[in-house]
C-alpha cells in the first residue's frame, strides 16, 4: 500500500496513474535494505522486496485502453519474479475462500482456529494429489473436504449419554481415524 511507505516514499497512486503504462518508480530504504517499487500497469501496483530490484528490466505485452491494442511495456525484475512465484499462496487463498466456514462468534480466536483447520485441509489435499492414489483416482478439493467431514461425523456421531466432558485416555494416533 502506497500510504505505508514513510521511509522511502514512492509516487502516490494518482500521480503514478497519470504516467505512461510501464512507468516505474523505485525507492530504497538504506536502513532496512528494502526496495519499494511503484509500477504503472493498467493501474498502479506497489511491491516491496529485500532481494530483487528493478533491473534487469524485461518487457511484456499489455492491453492499452487508450490505443485499443496490445503494446509492449517495461516490466521490472521484481514484478517478473512475483508473477513467477505467486501461484501457491494465491491458489490456497482462492480454494479456502470458495468453501470457507463462516460462523459468527465473539471469540477473537475463532477465525484463527478456522483458518488453521482450512489451511491443514488444503495442505492435505496438496499432499494427496502428489501421492500415487491421488494421481490415479484424483479427488478435487471439495470432495476431499466432504470425505474428511464424513469421516469425523461417523466417528463422533454416537454420543455417550453421560453428561459432561468424556475422558479420553487414547493416544493421539488412536484418536485420528485411518480414513483421515
Protein backbone atom coordinates (compact mmCIF):
# COMPACT_ATOMS: atom_id res chain seq x y z
CA UNK A 1 0.00 0.00 0.00
CA UNK A 2 1.43 3.31 -1.04
CA UNK A 3 0.41 5.06 2.20
CA UNK A 4 2.63 2.73 4.30
CA UNK A 5 5.98 3.79 2.82
CA UNK A 6 7.16 6.63 5.05
CA UNK A 7 10.89 5.82 4.88
CA UNK A 8 11.01 5.51 1.11
CA UNK A 9 8.15 7.49 -0.39
CA UNK A 10 7.17 6.44 -3.88
CA UNK A 11 4.73 8.29 -6.12
CA UNK A 12 1.17 8.31 -4.89
CA UNK A 13 -1.35 6.37 -6.99
CA UNK A 14 -2.96 9.47 -8.52
CA UNK A 15 0.39 10.71 -9.87
CA UNK A 16 1.63 7.26 -10.91
CA UNK A 17 -1.61 6.52 -12.80
CA UNK A 18 -1.07 9.61 -14.99
CA UNK A 19 2.34 8.33 -16.15
CA UNK A 20 2.66 6.13 -19.23
CA UNK A 21 1.97 2.41 -18.95
CA UNK A 22 5.11 0.60 -17.80
CA UNK A 23 6.47 3.58 -15.84
CA UNK A 24 8.36 2.52 -12.72
CA UNK A 25 9.30 4.46 -9.58
CA UNK A 26 11.76 2.79 -7.21
CA UNK A 27 12.95 3.93 -3.79
CA UNK A 28 15.46 2.27 -1.44
CA UNK A 29 15.29 2.26 2.35
CA UNK A 30 19.00 2.23 3.27
CA UNK A 31 18.50 1.27 6.92
CA UNK A 32 16.49 -1.89 6.17
CA UNK A 33 17.84 -2.59 2.64
CA UNK A 34 14.29 -2.76 1.25
CA UNK A 35 13.26 -1.62 -2.21
CA UNK A 36 9.79 -0.22 -2.80
CA UNK A 37 8.68 -0.27 -6.42
CA UNK A 38 5.66 1.53 -7.82
CA UNK A 39 4.78 0.31 -11.31
CA UNK A 40 2.04 1.64 -13.56
CA UNK A 41 0.38 -1.35 -15.20
CA UNK A 42 -3.29 -0.86 -16.04
CA UNK A 43 -3.42 0.77 -12.61
CA UNK A 44 -0.67 1.48 -10.05
CA UNK A 45 0.94 -1.55 -8.39
CA UNK A 46 3.23 -1.40 -5.35
CA UNK A 47 5.69 -4.13 -4.32
CA UNK A 48 8.50 -4.35 -1.78
CA UNK A 49 11.49 -6.66 -1.72
CA UNK A 50 14.81 -7.04 0.02
CA UNK A 51 16.10 -9.39 -2.71
CA UNK A 52 15.00 -8.17 -6.14
CA UNK A 53 15.10 -4.72 -7.65
CA UNK A 54 14.04 -3.06 -10.88
CA UNK A 55 16.91 -4.20 -13.06
CA UNK A 56 17.23 -6.15 -15.29
CA UNK A 57 14.14 -4.65 -16.88
CA UNK A 58 12.15 -7.04 -19.03
CA UNK A 59 9.27 -6.48 -21.43
CA UNK A 60 5.73 -7.80 -21.51
CA UNK A 61 2.61 -7.18 -23.54
CA UNK A 62 -0.36 -5.39 -22.01
CA UNK A 63 -3.66 -4.10 -23.33
CA UNK A 64 -3.68 -0.35 -23.75
CA UNK A 65 -7.18 1.04 -23.35
CA UNK A 66 -6.17 4.38 -24.86
CA UNK A 67 -4.66 2.83 -28.02
CA UNK A 68 -7.15 -0.10 -28.15
CA UNK A 69 -4.41 -2.64 -28.87
CA UNK A 70 -1.68 -4.66 -27.16
CA UNK A 71 1.52 -2.76 -26.50
CA UNK A 72 4.89 -3.79 -25.08
CA UNK A 73 5.74 -2.21 -21.75
CA UNK A 74 8.73 -2.38 -19.44
CA UNK A 75 8.47 -4.99 -16.68
CA UNK A 76 10.60 -4.53 -13.53
CA UNK A 77 12.51 -7.62 -12.40
CA UNK A 78 10.66 -7.57 -9.06
CA UNK A 79 7.27 -7.85 -10.78
CA UNK A 80 8.55 -10.62 -13.04
CA UNK A 81 9.72 -12.68 -10.04
CA UNK A 82 6.43 -12.06 -8.23
CA UNK A 83 4.47 -13.35 -11.23
CA UNK A 84 6.75 -16.38 -11.46
CA UNK A 85 6.32 -17.49 -7.83
CA UNK A 86 2.88 -16.17 -6.81
CA UNK A 87 0.84 -19.29 -7.57
CA UNK A 88 0.93 -21.23 -4.27
CA UNK A 89 -0.44 -18.80 -1.72
CA UNK A 90 -2.88 -17.18 -4.13
CA UNK A 91 -4.26 -20.61 -5.08
CA UNK A 92 -4.59 -21.59 -1.41
CA UNK A 93 -6.43 -18.36 -0.61
CA UNK A 94 -8.75 -18.96 -3.55
CA UNK A 95 -9.54 -22.54 -2.51
CA UNK A 96 -10.12 -21.58 1.12
CA UNK A 97 -12.35 -18.66 0.12
CA UNK A 98 -14.53 -20.90 -2.09
CA UNK A 99 -15.53 -23.20 0.78
CA UNK A 100 -14.96 -21.01 3.83
CA UNK A 101 -16.69 -21.95 7.06
CA UNK A 102 -18.40 -18.74 8.11
CA UNK A 103 -19.58 -18.81 11.73
CA UNK A 104 -20.13 -15.61 13.65
CA UNK A 105 -18.53 -15.55 17.05
CA UNK A 106 -17.43 -13.03 19.62
CA UNK A 107 -14.35 -15.08 20.39
CA UNK A 108 -11.23 -13.49 18.92
CA UNK A 109 -9.52 -16.82 18.37
CA UNK A 110 -12.28 -18.43 16.28
CA UNK A 111 -11.20 -17.02 12.87
CA UNK A 112 -7.60 -18.03 13.62
CA UNK A 113 -8.68 -21.56 14.54
CA UNK A 114 -10.87 -21.93 11.45
CA UNK A 115 -8.08 -20.61 9.20
CA UNK A 116 -5.65 -23.17 10.66
CA UNK A 117 -8.09 -26.02 10.02
CA UNK A 118 -8.81 -24.75 6.48
CA UNK A 119 -5.07 -24.50 5.77
CA UNK A 120 -4.49 -28.01 7.11
CA UNK A 121 -7.19 -29.41 4.84
CA UNK A 122 -5.73 -27.58 1.84
CA UNK A 123 -2.21 -28.83 2.60
CA UNK A 124 -3.55 -32.39 2.99
CA UNK A 125 -5.20 -32.06 -0.42
CA UNK A 126 -1.95 -30.87 -1.99
CA UNK A 127 -0.07 -33.81 -0.45
CA UNK A 128 -2.83 -36.22 -1.53
CA UNK A 129 -2.53 -35.01 -5.13
CA UNK A 130 1.20 -35.87 -5.12
CA UNK A 131 0.63 -39.43 -3.89
CA UNK A 132 0.09 -42.34 -6.24
CA UNK A 133 -3.57 -42.71 -5.21
CA UNK A 134 -4.10 -39.00 -5.86
CA UNK A 135 -2.73 -39.34 -9.38
CA UNK A 136 -4.77 -42.46 -10.23
CA UNK A 137 -8.09 -41.51 -8.60
CA UNK A 138 -7.94 -37.75 -8.02
CA UNK A 139 -10.38 -36.02 -5.68
CA UNK A 140 -10.98 -32.33 -6.09
CA UNK A 141 -10.70 -30.05 -3.08
CA UNK A 142 -14.42 -30.12 -2.27
CA UNK A 143 -14.61 -33.92 -2.42
CA UNK A 144 -11.65 -34.25 -0.06
CA UNK A 145 -13.28 -31.81 2.38
CA UNK A 146 -16.53 -33.75 2.25
CA UNK A 147 -14.85 -37.09 2.84
CA UNK A 148 -12.92 -35.67 5.80
CA UNK A 149 -16.10 -34.27 7.35
CA UNK A 150 -17.99 -37.53 6.75
CA UNK A 151 -15.23 -39.48 8.47
CA UNK A 152 -15.40 -37.32 11.59
CA UNK A 153 -19.21 -37.31 11.62
CA UNK A 154 -19.24 -41.12 11.53
CA UNK A 155 -16.62 -41.36 14.25
CA UNK A 156 -18.25 -38.93 16.67
CA UNK A 157 -21.94 -39.44 15.79
CA UNK A 158 -22.56 -41.89 18.65
CA UNK A 159 -22.50 -39.59 21.65
CA UNK A 160 -22.44 -41.05 25.12
CA UNK A 161 -25.46 -40.32 27.32
CA UNK A 162 -23.32 -39.24 30.25
CA UNK A 163 -23.32 -35.53 30.92
CA UNK A 164 -20.12 -33.59 30.88
CA UNK A 165 -16.91 -33.96 29.01
CA UNK A 166 -15.90 -37.58 28.35
CA UNK A 167 -12.49 -38.72 29.49
CA UNK A 168 -10.43 -39.96 26.60
CA UNK A 169 -7.27 -41.80 27.55
CA UNK A 170 -6.43 -42.84 24.00
CA UNK A 171 -3.19 -41.71 22.45
CA UNK A 172 -3.41 -39.08 19.71
CA UNK A 173 -2.65 -41.54 16.90
CA UNK A 174 -5.60 -43.70 18.04
CA UNK A 175 -7.98 -40.72 18.03
CA UNK A 176 -7.47 -39.81 14.37
CA UNK A 177 -9.39 -42.21 12.09
CA UNK A 178 -7.47 -44.13 9.43
CA UNK A 179 -9.62 -42.61 6.69
CA UNK A 180 -8.25 -39.15 7.53
